[in-house]
Amino acid sequence: MGGMVPAALVAQRLGKPLHYLQINYRAPDNSPQRPQAELLKSVSIPQELRRILIVDDVGVSGSTFAAAREALGGREVITFAIKGRADLVLLPEVRGCVSWPWPRVERV
C-alpha cells in the first residue's frame, strides 16, 4: 500500500495509466508477515502493455518487486523506489526508516 501515492504521482507525471498490483509482504510495523511477498488479487493489465514501471515507496529485500515481475511474466519491468533497492531510486542517500506523510492502510 505504501507505493500507491508515489505510483499515482509518477503515472500522472508521465501521463501513463496506473494499474494496481496488490502485493503484500510486510506488516504495518515493517516486519515480514509472510514467508515471501504474495500477490493478493489477480492482475488485469492489458497484454499489449509490454514495458512496465513498478513503483513502490521502499525497496528493502526485493521480494515485492520479484513478486510483481513474476505476476507480469514476460514483460519488460523496471523498478522504481523512493528509497532502498530498485533499478531506479529517487533518494539513494536515505538509509534509515522514514515515516511517509501518507498512511499505510491494509486492504484485502
PDB file of N, CA and C in Angstrom:
ATOM      1  N   MET A   1       0.811  -1.205   0.000  1.00  0.00           N
ATOM      2  CA  MET A   1       0.000   0.000   0.000  1.00  0.00           C
ATOM      3  C   MET A   1       0.846   1.257   0.000  1.00  0.00           C
ATOM      4  N   GLY A   2       2.049   1.173   0.530  1.00  0.00           N
ATOM      5  CA  GLY A   2       2.899   2.350   0.600  1.00  0.00           C
ATOM      6  C   GLY A   2       3.262   2.915  -0.751  1.00  0.00           C
ATOM      7  N   GLY A   3       3.165   2.118  -1.804  1.00  0.00           N
ATOM      8  CA  GLY A   3       3.538   2.579  -3.132  1.00  0.00           C
ATOM      9  C   GLY A   3       2.435   3.294  -3.884  1.00  0.00           C
ATOM     10  N   MET A   4       1.218   3.304  -3.348  1.00  0.00           N
ATOM     11  CA  MET A   4       0.098   3.904  -4.078  1.00  0.00           C
ATOM     12  C   MET A   4       0.284   5.394  -4.364  1.00  0.00           C
ATOM     13  N   VAL A   5       0.688   6.153  -3.366  1.00  0.00           N
ATOM     14  CA  VAL A   5       0.853   7.595  -3.579  1.00  0.00           C
ATOM     15  C   VAL A   5       1.994   7.867  -4.558  1.00  0.00           C
ATOM     16  N   PRO A   6       3.187   7.296  -4.350  1.00  0.00           N
ATOM     17  CA  PRO A   6       4.251   7.537  -5.325  1.00  0.00           C
ATOM     18  C   PRO A   6       3.875   7.061  -6.731  1.00  0.00           C
ATOM     19  N   ALA A   7       3.211   5.911  -6.847  1.00  0.00           N
ATOM     20  CA  ALA A   7       2.827   5.392  -8.155  1.00  0.00           C
ATOM     21  C   ALA A   7       1.845   6.323  -8.851  1.00  0.00           C
ATOM     22  N   ALA A   8       0.880   6.847  -8.110  1.00  0.00           N
ATOM     23  CA  ALA A   8      -0.090   7.777  -8.698  1.00  0.00           C
ATOM     24  C   ALA A   8       0.604   9.048  -9.178  1.00  0.00           C
ATOM     25  N   LEU A   9       1.555   9.548  -8.409  1.00  0.00           N
ATOM     26  CA  LEU A   9       2.289  10.752  -8.806  1.00  0.00           C
ATOM     27  C   LEU A   9       3.135  10.506 -10.057  1.00  0.00           C
ATOM     28  N   VAL A  10       3.816   9.375 -10.102  1.00  0.00           N
ATOM     29  CA  VAL A  10       4.649   9.044 -11.262  1.00  0.00           C
ATOM     30  C   VAL A  10       3.779   8.845 -12.503  1.00  0.00           C
ATOM     31  N   ALA A  11       2.681   8.111 -12.383  1.00  0.00           N
ATOM     32  CA  ALA A  11       1.786   7.884 -13.522  1.00  0.00           C
ATOM     33  C   ALA A  11       1.232   9.202 -14.055  1.00  0.00           C
ATOM     34  N   GLN A  12       0.834  10.078 -13.156  1.00  0.00           N
ATOM     35  CA  GLN A  12       0.301  11.382 -13.575  1.00  0.00           C
ATOM     36  C   GLN A  12       1.378  12.195 -14.291  1.00  0.00           C
ATOM     37  N   ARG A  13       2.563  12.204 -13.734  1.00  0.00           N
ATOM     38  CA  ARG A  13       3.674  12.981 -14.320  1.00  0.00           C
ATOM     39  C   ARG A  13       4.056  12.452 -15.695  1.00  0.00           C
ATOM     40  N   LEU A  14       4.047  11.121 -15.858  1.00  0.00           N
ATOM     41  CA  LEU A  14       4.411  10.516 -17.138  1.00  0.00           C
ATOM     42  C   LEU A  14       3.243  10.458 -18.123  1.00  0.00           C
ATOM     43  N   GLY A  15       2.025  10.752 -17.634  1.00  0.00           N
ATOM     44  CA  GLY A  15       0.847  10.669 -18.492  1.00  0.00           C
ATOM     45  C   GLY A  15       0.534   9.242 -18.904  1.00  0.00           C
ATOM     46  N   LYS A  16       0.763   8.304 -18.004  1.00  0.00           N
ATOM     47  CA  LYS A  16       0.549   6.882 -18.278  1.00  0.00           C
ATOM     48  C   LYS A  16      -0.546   6.329 -17.365  1.00  0.00           C
ATOM     49  N   PRO A  17      -1.189   5.236 -17.785  1.00  0.00           N
ATOM     50  CA  PRO A  17      -2.233   4.631 -16.933  1.00  0.00           C
ATOM     51  C   PRO A  17      -1.616   4.004 -15.685  1.00  0.00           C
ATOM     52  N   LEU A  18      -2.381   3.985 -14.623  1.00  0.00           N
ATOM     53  CA  LEU A  18      -1.959   3.376 -13.366  1.00  0.00           C
ATOM     54  C   LEU A  18      -2.736   2.080 -13.174  1.00  0.00           C
ATOM     55  N   HIS A  19      -2.015   1.002 -12.995  1.00  0.00           N
ATOM     56  CA  HIS A  19      -2.607  -0.297 -12.698  1.00  0.00           C
ATOM     57  C   HIS A  19      -2.055  -0.730 -11.360  1.00  0.00           C
ATOM     58  N   TYR A  20      -2.904  -1.275 -10.524  1.00  0.00           N
ATOM     59  CA  TYR A  20      -2.530  -1.598  -9.152  1.00  0.00           C
ATOM     60  C   TYR A  20      -2.321  -3.098  -8.978  1.00  0.00           C
ATOM     61  N   LEU A  21      -1.135  -3.476  -8.498  1.00  0.00           N
ATOM     62  CA  LEU A  21      -0.851  -4.861  -8.126  1.00  0.00           C
ATOM     63  C   LEU A  21      -0.926  -4.932  -6.612  1.00  0.00           C
ATOM     64  N   GLN A  22      -1.855  -5.694  -6.101  1.00  0.00           N
ATOM     65  CA  GLN A  22      -1.986  -5.810  -4.652  1.00  0.00           C
ATOM     66  C   GLN A  22      -1.072  -6.933  -4.177  1.00  0.00           C
ATOM     67  N   ILE A  23       0.126  -6.529  -3.733  1.00  0.00           N
ATOM     68  CA  ILE A  23       1.141  -7.451  -3.242  1.00  0.00           C
ATOM     69  C   ILE A  23       1.438  -7.080  -1.799  1.00  0.00           C
ATOM     70  N   ASN A  24       1.560  -8.093  -0.939  1.00  0.00           N
ATOM     71  CA  ASN A  24       1.858  -7.803   0.455  1.00  0.00           C
ATOM     72  C   ASN A  24       2.932  -8.736   0.975  1.00  0.00           C
ATOM     73  N   TYR A  25       3.839  -8.164   1.747  1.00  0.00           N
ATOM     74  CA  TYR A  25       4.896  -8.922   2.406  1.00  0.00           C
ATOM     75  C   TYR A  25       5.055  -8.490   3.856  1.00  0.00           C
ATOM     76  N   ARG A  26       5.017  -7.178   4.092  1.00  0.00           N
ATOM     77  CA  ARG A  26       5.307  -6.644   5.422  1.00  0.00           C
ATOM     78  C   ARG A  26       4.056  -6.164   6.142  1.00  0.00           C
ATOM     79  N   ALA A  27       4.117  -6.249   7.468  1.00  0.00           N
ATOM     80  CA  ALA A  27       3.060  -5.735   8.331  1.00  0.00           C
ATOM     81  C   ALA A  27       3.227  -4.221   8.460  1.00  0.00           C
ATOM     82  N   PRO A  28       2.241  -3.522   9.003  1.00  0.00           N
ATOM     83  CA  PRO A  28       2.362  -2.075   9.175  1.00  0.00           C
ATOM     84  C   PRO A  28       3.597  -1.645   9.983  1.00  0.00           C
ATOM     85  N   ASP A  29       4.091  -2.493  10.869  1.00  0.00           N
ATOM     86  CA  ASP A  29       5.294  -2.128  11.639  1.00  0.00           C
ATOM     87  C   ASP A  29       6.584  -2.452  10.880  1.00  0.00           C
ATOM     88  N   ASN A  30       6.459  -2.847   9.602  1.00  0.00           N
ATOM     89  CA  ASN A  30       7.567  -3.134   8.697  1.00  0.00           C
ATOM     90  C   ASN A  30       8.210  -4.503   8.913  1.00  0.00           C
ATOM     91  N   SER A  31       7.664  -5.324   9.785  1.00  0.00           N
ATOM     92  CA  SER A  31       8.198  -6.675   9.966  1.00  0.00           C
ATOM     93  C   SER A  31       7.562  -7.595   8.913  1.00  0.00           C
ATOM     94  N   PRO A  32       8.309  -8.592   8.423  1.00  0.00           N
ATOM     95  CA  PRO A  32       7.714  -9.530   7.465  1.00  0.00           C
ATOM     96  C   PRO A  32       6.532 -10.263   8.101  1.00  0.00           C
ATOM     97  N   GLN A  33       5.420 -10.341   7.373  1.00  0.00           N
ATOM     98  CA  GLN A  33       4.254 -11.052   7.901  1.00  0.00           C
ATOM     99  C   GLN A  33       3.921 -12.288   7.071  1.00  0.00           C
ATOM    100  N   ARG A  34       4.697 -12.517   6.025  1.00  0.00           N
ATOM    101  CA  ARG A  34       4.540 -13.700   5.179  1.00  0.00           C
ATOM    102  C   ARG A  34       5.940 -14.239   4.871  1.00  0.00           C
ATOM    103  N   PRO A  35       6.050 -15.512   4.479  1.00  0.00           N
ATOM    104  CA  PRO A  35       7.367 -16.052   4.127  1.00  0.00           C
ATOM    105  C   PRO A  35       7.996 -15.332   2.928  1.00  0.00           C
ATOM    106  N   GLN A  36       7.136 -14.860   2.017  1.00  0.00           N
ATOM    107  CA  GLN A  36       7.600 -14.093   0.861  1.00  0.00           C
ATOM    108  C   GLN A  36       6.459 -13.185   0.406  1.00  0.00           C
ATOM    109  N   ALA A  37       6.779 -12.228  -0.441  1.00  0.00           N
ATOM    110  CA  ALA A  37       5.741 -11.337  -0.956  1.00  0.00           C
ATOM    111  C   ALA A  37       4.717 -12.154  -1.718  1.00  0.00           C
ATOM    112  N   GLU A  38       3.451 -11.755  -1.581  1.00  0.00           N
ATOM    113  CA  GLU A  38       2.362 -12.543  -2.151  1.00  0.00           C
ATOM    114  C   GLU A  38       1.401 -11.640  -2.910  1.00  0.00           C
ATOM    115  N   LEU A  39       1.073 -12.048  -4.133  1.00  0.00           N
ATOM    116  CA  LEU A  39       0.058 -11.364  -4.918  1.00  0.00           C
ATOM    117  C   LEU A  39      -1.294 -11.709  -4.325  1.00  0.00           C
ATOM    118  N   LEU A  40      -2.047 -10.701  -3.876  1.00  0.00           N
ATOM    119  CA  LEU A  40      -3.310 -10.937  -3.176  1.00  0.00           C
ATOM    120  C   LEU A  40      -4.525 -10.963  -4.096  1.00  0.00           C
ATOM    121  N   LYS A  41      -4.412 -10.367  -5.271  1.00  0.00           N
ATOM    122  CA  LYS A  41      -5.505 -10.366  -6.252  1.00  0.00           C
ATOM    123  C   LYS A  41      -4.913 -10.574  -7.636  1.00  0.00           C
ATOM    124  N   SER A  42      -5.705 -11.183  -8.520  1.00  0.00           N
ATOM    125  CA  SER A  42      -5.213 -11.416  -9.874  1.00  0.00           C
ATOM    126  C   SER A  42      -4.944 -10.088 -10.583  1.00  0.00           C
ATOM    127  N   VAL A  43      -4.081 -10.143 -11.551  1.00  0.00           N
ATOM    128  CA  VAL A  43      -3.642  -8.952 -12.288  1.00  0.00           C
ATOM    129  C   VAL A  43      -4.478  -8.803 -13.547  1.00  0.00           C
ATOM    130  N   SER A  44      -4.971  -7.612 -13.813  1.00  0.00           N
ATOM    131  CA  SER A  44      -5.729  -7.365 -15.043  1.00  0.00           C
ATOM    132  C   SER A  44      -5.107  -6.194 -15.796  1.00  0.00           C
ATOM    133  N   ILE A  45      -3.911  -6.436 -16.298  1.00  0.00           N
ATOM    134  CA  ILE A  45      -3.194  -5.431 -17.073  1.00  0.00           C
ATOM    135  C   ILE A  45      -3.215  -5.882 -18.528  1.00  0.00           C
ATOM    136  N   PRO A  46      -3.627  -5.003 -19.441  1.00  0.00           N
ATOM    137  CA  PRO A  46      -3.710  -5.397 -20.854  1.00  0.00           C
ATOM    138  C   PRO A  46      -2.391  -5.987 -21.370  1.00  0.00           C
ATOM    139  N   GLN A  47      -2.495  -7.065 -22.128  1.00  0.00           N
ATOM    140  CA  GLN A  47      -1.309  -7.753 -22.654  1.00  0.00           C
ATOM    141  C   GLN A  47      -0.467  -6.866 -23.566  1.00  0.00           C
ATOM    142  N   GLU A  48      -1.095  -5.886 -24.201  1.00  0.00           N
ATOM    143  CA  GLU A  48      -0.321  -5.027 -25.110  1.00  0.00           C
ATOM    144  C   GLU A  48       0.651  -4.112 -24.373  1.00  0.00           C
ATOM    145  N   LEU A  49       0.475  -3.965 -23.069  1.00  0.00           N
ATOM    146  CA  LEU A  49       1.434  -3.182 -22.281  1.00  0.00           C
ATOM    147  C   LEU A  49       2.643  -4.070 -22.013  1.00  0.00           C
ATOM    148  N   ARG A  50       3.710  -3.873 -22.768  1.00  0.00           N
ATOM    149  CA  ARG A  50       4.884  -4.734 -22.705  1.00  0.00           C
ATOM    150  C   ARG A  50       5.993  -4.164 -21.824  1.00  0.00           C
ATOM    151  N   ARG A  51       6.034  -2.865 -21.643  1.00  0.00           N
ATOM    152  CA  ARG A  51       7.049  -2.228 -20.793  1.00  0.00           C
ATOM    153  C   ARG A  51       6.330  -1.624 -19.599  1.00  0.00           C
ATOM    154  N   ILE A  52       6.741  -2.038 -18.396  1.00  0.00           N
ATOM    155  CA  ILE A  52       6.025  -1.623 -17.191  1.00  0.00           C
ATOM    156  C   ILE A  52       7.003  -1.102 -16.153  1.00  0.00           C
ATOM    157  N   LEU A  53       6.641   0.011 -15.545  1.00  0.00           N
ATOM    158  CA  LEU A  53       7.394   0.584 -14.435  1.00  0.00           C
ATOM    159  C   LEU A  53       6.655   0.225 -13.153  1.00  0.00           C
ATOM    160  N   ILE A  54       7.317  -0.515 -12.269  1.00  0.00           N
ATOM    161  CA  ILE A  54       6.745  -0.867 -10.969  1.00  0.00           C
ATOM    162  C   ILE A  54       7.243   0.147  -9.963  1.00  0.00           C
ATOM    163  N   VAL A  55       6.334   0.791  -9.240  1.00  0.00           N
ATOM    164  CA  VAL A  55       6.689   1.844  -8.293  1.00  0.00           C
ATOM    165  C   VAL A  55       6.309   1.407  -6.883  1.00  0.00           C
ATOM    166  N   ASP A  56       7.232   1.620  -5.938  1.00  0.00           N
ATOM    167  CA  ASP A  56       6.947   1.361  -4.526  1.00  0.00           C
ATOM    168  C   ASP A  56       7.636   2.443  -3.707  1.00  0.00           C
ATOM    169  N   ASP A  57       7.201   2.608  -2.465  1.00  0.00           N
ATOM    170  CA  ASP A  57       7.838   3.633  -1.635  1.00  0.00           C
ATOM    171  C   ASP A  57       9.237   3.201  -1.207  1.00  0.00           C
ATOM    172  N   VAL A  58       9.390   1.926  -0.826  1.00  0.00           N
ATOM    173  CA  VAL A  58      10.667   1.426  -0.323  1.00  0.00           C
ATOM    174  C   VAL A  58      10.946   0.053  -0.920  1.00  0.00           C
ATOM    175  N   GLY A  59      12.180  -0.165  -1.313  1.00  0.00           N
ATOM    176  CA  GLY A  59      12.614  -1.495  -1.734  1.00  0.00           C
ATOM    177  C   GLY A  59      13.625  -1.998  -0.716  1.00  0.00           C
ATOM    178  N   VAL A  60      13.256  -2.986   0.089  1.00  0.00           N
ATOM    179  CA  VAL A  60      14.145  -3.497   1.140  1.00  0.00           C
ATOM    180  C   VAL A  60      14.799  -4.797   0.686  1.00  0.00           C
ATOM    181  N   SER A  61      14.022  -5.860   0.626  1.00  0.00           N
ATOM    182  CA  SER A  61      14.572  -7.174   0.295  1.00  0.00           C
ATOM    183  C   SER A  61      14.485  -7.494  -1.193  1.00  0.00           C
ATOM    184  N   GLY A  62      13.657  -6.771  -1.917  1.00  0.00           N
ATOM    185  CA  GLY A  62      13.423  -7.079  -3.325  1.00  0.00           C
ATOM    186  C   GLY A  62      12.289  -8.075  -3.526  1.00  0.00           C
ATOM    187  N   SER A  63      11.701  -8.570  -2.438  1.00  0.00           N
ATOM    188  CA  SER A  63      10.655  -9.579  -2.504  1.00  0.00           C
ATOM    189  C   SER A  63       9.401  -9.069  -3.219  1.00  0.00           C
ATOM    190  N   THR A  64       8.984  -7.855  -2.943  1.00  0.00           N
ATOM    191  CA  THR A  64       7.781  -7.307  -3.575  1.00  0.00           C
ATOM    192  C   THR A  64       8.006  -7.102  -5.068  1.00  0.00           C
ATOM    193  N   PHE A  65       9.159  -6.541  -5.423  1.00  0.00           N
ATOM    194  CA  PHE A  65       9.461  -6.355  -6.844  1.00  0.00           C
ATOM    195  C   PHE A  65       9.549  -7.703  -7.561  1.00  0.00           C
ATOM    196  N   ALA A  66      10.117  -8.724  -6.930  1.00  0.00           N
ATOM    197  CA  ALA A  66      10.213 -10.062  -7.534  1.00  0.00           C
ATOM    198  C   ALA A  66       8.830 -10.648  -7.770  1.00  0.00           C
ATOM    199  N   ALA A  67       7.915 -10.482  -6.801  1.00  0.00           N
ATOM    200  CA  ALA A  67       6.548 -10.977  -6.962  1.00  0.00           C
ATOM    201  C   ALA A  67       5.844 -10.238  -8.108  1.00  0.00           C
ATOM    202  N   ALA A  68       6.096  -8.951  -8.236  1.00  0.00           N
ATOM    203  CA  ALA A  68       5.495  -8.174  -9.324  1.00  0.00           C
ATOM    204  C   ALA A  68       6.021  -8.652 -10.675  1.00  0.00           C
ATOM    205  N   ARG A  69       7.333  -8.858 -10.768  1.00  0.00           N
ATOM    206  CA  ARG A  69       7.922  -9.354 -12.028  1.00  0.00           C
ATOM    207  C   ARG A  69       7.297 -10.703 -12.413  1.00  0.00           C
ATOM    208  N   GLU A  70       7.146 -11.582 -11.435  1.00  0.00           N
ATOM    209  CA  GLU A  70       6.568 -12.900 -11.702  1.00  0.00           C
ATOM    210  C   GLU A  70       5.120 -12.768 -12.186  1.00  0.00           C
ATOM    211  N   ALA A  71       4.346 -11.911 -11.528  1.00  0.00           N
ATOM    212  CA  ALA A  71       2.940 -11.726 -11.899  1.00  0.00           C
ATOM    213  C   ALA A  71       2.802 -11.143 -13.300  1.00  0.00           C
ATOM    214  N   LEU A  72       3.790 -10.375 -13.728  1.00  0.00           N
ATOM    215  CA  LEU A  72       3.734  -9.715 -15.031  1.00  0.00           C
ATOM    216  C   LEU A  72       4.458 -10.506 -16.108  1.00  0.00           C
ATOM    217  N   GLY A  73       4.838 -11.712 -15.820  1.00  0.00           N
ATOM    218  CA  GLY A  73       5.595 -12.614 -16.682  1.00  0.00           C
ATOM    219  C   GLY A  73       5.819 -12.185 -18.115  1.00  0.00           C
ATOM    220  N   GLY A  74       7.062 -12.173 -18.524  1.00  0.00           N
ATOM    221  CA  GLY A  74       7.419 -11.919 -19.906  1.00  0.00           C
ATOM    222  C   GLY A  74       7.475 -10.468 -20.330  1.00  0.00           C
ATOM    223  N   ARG A  75       7.054  -9.575 -19.491  1.00  0.00           N
ATOM    224  CA  ARG A  75       7.093  -8.155 -19.843  1.00  0.00           C
ATOM    225  C   ARG A  75       8.415  -7.542 -19.399  1.00  0.00           C
ATOM    226  N   GLU A  76       8.785  -6.460 -20.041  1.00  0.00           N
ATOM    227  CA  GLU A  76       9.971  -5.711 -19.607  1.00  0.00           C
ATOM    228  C   GLU A  76       9.565  -4.884 -18.387  1.00  0.00           C
ATOM    229  N   VAL A  77      10.205  -5.143 -17.244  1.00  0.00           N
ATOM    230  CA  VAL A  77       9.846  -4.478 -15.993  1.00  0.00           C
ATOM    231  C   VAL A  77      11.042  -3.687 -15.473  1.00  0.00           C
ATOM    232  N   ILE A  78      10.794  -2.432 -15.134  1.00  0.00           N
ATOM    233  CA  ILE A  78      11.780  -1.578 -14.474  1.00  0.00           C
ATOM    234  C   ILE A  78      11.188  -1.219 -13.117  1.00  0.00           C
ATOM    235  N   THR A  79      12.014  -1.282 -12.073  1.00  0.00           N
ATOM    236  CA  THR A  79      11.526  -0.973 -10.729  1.00  0.00           C
ATOM    237  C   THR A  79      12.001   0.398 -10.286  1.00  0.00           C
ATOM    238  N   PHE A  80      11.129   1.072  -9.526  1.00  0.00           N
ATOM    239  CA  PHE A  80      11.417   2.408  -9.010  1.00  0.00           C
ATOM    240  C   PHE A  80      10.978   2.456  -7.550  1.00  0.00           C
ATOM    241  N   ALA A  81      11.854   2.957  -6.682  1.00  0.00           N
ATOM    242  CA  ALA A  81      11.512   3.152  -5.272  1.00  0.00           C
ATOM    243  C   ALA A  81      11.971   4.531  -4.839  1.00  0.00           C
ATOM    244  N   ILE A  82      11.279   5.084  -3.871  1.00  0.00           N
ATOM    245  CA  ILE A  82      11.725   6.366  -3.329  1.00  0.00           C
ATOM    246  C   ILE A  82      13.062   6.185  -2.626  1.00  0.00           C
ATOM    247  N   LYS A  83      13.174   5.088  -1.837  1.00  0.00           N
ATOM    248  CA  LYS A  83      14.445   4.787  -1.170  1.00  0.00           C
ATOM    249  C   LYS A  83      14.643   3.284  -1.134  1.00  0.00           C
ATOM    250  N   GLY A  84      15.863   2.858  -0.936  1.00  0.00           N
ATOM    251  CA  GLY A  84      16.148   1.437  -0.839  1.00  0.00           C
ATOM    252  C   GLY A  84      16.777   0.894  -2.098  1.00  0.00           C
ATOM    253  N   ARG A  85      16.339  -0.310  -2.488  1.00  0.00           N
ATOM    254  CA  ARG A  85      16.917  -1.002  -3.642  1.00  0.00           C
ATOM    255  C   ARG A  85      15.886  -1.142  -4.753  1.00  0.00           C
ATOM    256  N   ALA A  86      16.264  -0.707  -5.947  1.00  0.00           N
ATOM    257  CA  ALA A  86      15.427  -0.818  -7.142  1.00  0.00           C
ATOM    258  C   ALA A  86      16.314  -0.457  -8.327  1.00  0.00           C
ATOM    259  N   ASP A  87      15.782  -0.633  -9.537  1.00  0.00           N
ATOM    260  CA  ASP A  87      16.537  -0.210 -10.721  1.00  0.00           C
ATOM    261  C   ASP A  87      16.784   1.297 -10.674  1.00  0.00           C
ATOM    262  N   LEU A  88      15.761   2.039 -10.260  1.00  0.00           N
ATOM    263  CA  LEU A  88      15.836   3.495 -10.127  1.00  0.00           C
ATOM    264  C   LEU A  88      15.436   3.853  -8.703  1.00  0.00           C
ATOM    265  N   VAL A  89      16.249   4.668  -8.032  1.00  0.00           N
ATOM    266  CA  VAL A  89      15.967   5.071  -6.647  1.00  0.00           C
ATOM    267  C   VAL A  89      16.030   6.594  -6.578  1.00  0.00           C
ATOM    268  N   LEU A  90      14.944   7.209  -6.108  1.00  0.00           N
ATOM    269  CA  LEU A  90      14.860   8.664  -6.027  1.00  0.00           C
ATOM    270  C   LEU A  90      15.804   9.236  -4.973  1.00  0.00           C
ATOM    271  N   LEU A  91      15.828   8.642  -3.780  1.00  0.00           N
ATOM    272  CA  LEU A  91      16.638   9.147  -2.667  1.00  0.00           C
ATOM    273  C   LEU A  91      17.584   8.053  -2.160  1.00  0.00           C
ATOM    274  N   PRO A  92      18.641   7.745  -2.910  1.00  0.00           N
ATOM    275  CA  PRO A  92      19.526   6.645  -2.507  1.00  0.00           C
ATOM    276  C   PRO A  92      20.299   6.913  -1.222  1.00  0.00           C
ATOM    277  N   GLU A  93      20.437   8.168  -0.856  1.00  0.00           N
ATOM    278  CA  GLU A  93      21.214   8.507   0.344  1.00  0.00           C
ATOM    279  C   GLU A  93      20.442   8.280   1.644  1.00  0.00           C
ATOM    280  N   VAL A  94      19.126   8.102   1.572  1.00  0.00           N
ATOM    281  CA  VAL A  94      18.317   7.874   2.771  1.00  0.00           C
ATOM    282  C   VAL A  94      18.464   6.411   3.177  1.00  0.00           C
ATOM    283  N   ARG A  95      19.003   6.167   4.380  1.00  0.00           N
ATOM    284  CA  ARG A  95      19.274   4.800   4.823  1.00  0.00           C
ATOM    285  C   ARG A  95      18.293   4.298   5.882  1.00  0.00           C
ATOM    286  N   GLY A  96      17.876   5.139   6.800  1.00  0.00           N
ATOM    287  CA  GLY A  96      17.025   4.696   7.905  1.00  0.00           C
ATOM    288  C   GLY A  96      15.559   4.634   7.535  1.00  0.00           C
ATOM    289  N   CYS A  97      14.743   4.308   8.521  1.00  0.00           N
ATOM    290  CA  CYS A  97      13.292   4.266   8.336  1.00  0.00           C
ATOM    291  C   CYS A  97      12.760   5.672   8.111  1.00  0.00           C
ATOM    292  N   VAL A  98      11.702   5.749   7.348  1.00  0.00           N
ATOM    293  CA  VAL A  98      11.064   7.023   7.037  1.00  0.00           C
ATOM    294  C   VAL A  98       9.589   6.915   7.386  1.00  0.00           C
ATOM    295  N   SER A  99       9.052   7.935   8.004  1.00  0.00           N
ATOM    296  CA  SER A  99       7.623   7.999   8.267  1.00  0.00           C
ATOM    297  C   SER A  99       7.012   8.843   7.151  1.00  0.00           C
ATOM    298  N   TRP A 100       6.488   8.170   6.122  1.00  0.00           N
ATOM    299  CA  TRP A 100       5.935   8.871   4.977  1.00  0.00           C
ATOM    300  C   TRP A 100       4.681   9.643   5.377  1.00  0.00           C
ATOM    301  N   PRO A 101       4.365  10.701   4.658  1.00  0.00           N
ATOM    302  CA  PRO A 101       3.187  11.504   5.014  1.00  0.00           C
ATOM    303  C   PRO A 101       1.868  10.851   4.631  1.00  0.00           C
ATOM    304  N   TRP A 102       1.901   9.744   3.922  1.00  0.00           N
ATOM    305  CA  TRP A 102       0.668   9.030   3.583  1.00  0.00           C
ATOM    306  C   TRP A 102       0.521   7.826   4.501  1.00  0.00           C
ATOM    307  N   PRO A 103      -0.701   7.510   4.887  1.00  0.00           N
ATOM    308  CA  PRO A 103      -0.918   6.374   5.801  1.00  0.00           C
ATOM    309  C   PRO A 103      -0.809   5.049   5.083  1.00  0.00           C
ATOM    310  N   ARG A 104      -0.441   4.032   5.838  1.00  0.00           N
ATOM    311  CA  ARG A 104      -0.458   2.660   5.320  1.00  0.00           C
ATOM    312  C   ARG A 104      -1.793   2.066   5.725  1.00  0.00           C
ATOM    313  N   VAL A 105      -2.572   1.696   4.753  1.00  0.00           N
ATOM    314  CA  VAL A 105      -3.901   1.137   5.001  1.00  0.00           C
ATOM    315  C   VAL A 105      -3.917  -0.265   4.435  1.00  0.00           C
ATOM    316  N   GLU A 106      -4.288  -1.228   5.251  1.00  0.00           N
ATOM    317  CA  GLU A 106      -4.353  -2.621   4.802  1.00  0.00           C
ATOM    318  C   GLU A 106      -5.707  -2.873   4.166  1.00  0.00           C
ATOM    319  N   ARG A 107      -5.712  -3.271   2.891  1.00  0.00           N
ATOM    320  CA  ARG A 107      -6.948  -3.658   2.198  1.00  0.00           C
ATOM    321  C   ARG A 107      -6.742  -5.068   1.679  1.00  0.00           C
ATOM    322  N   VAL A 108      -7.657  -5.927   1.980  1.00  0.00           N
ATOM    323  CA  VAL A 108      -7.564  -7.319   1.490  1.00  0.00           C
ATOM    324  C   VAL A 108      -8.783  -7.658   0.697  1.00  0.00           C
TER     325      VAL A 108
END
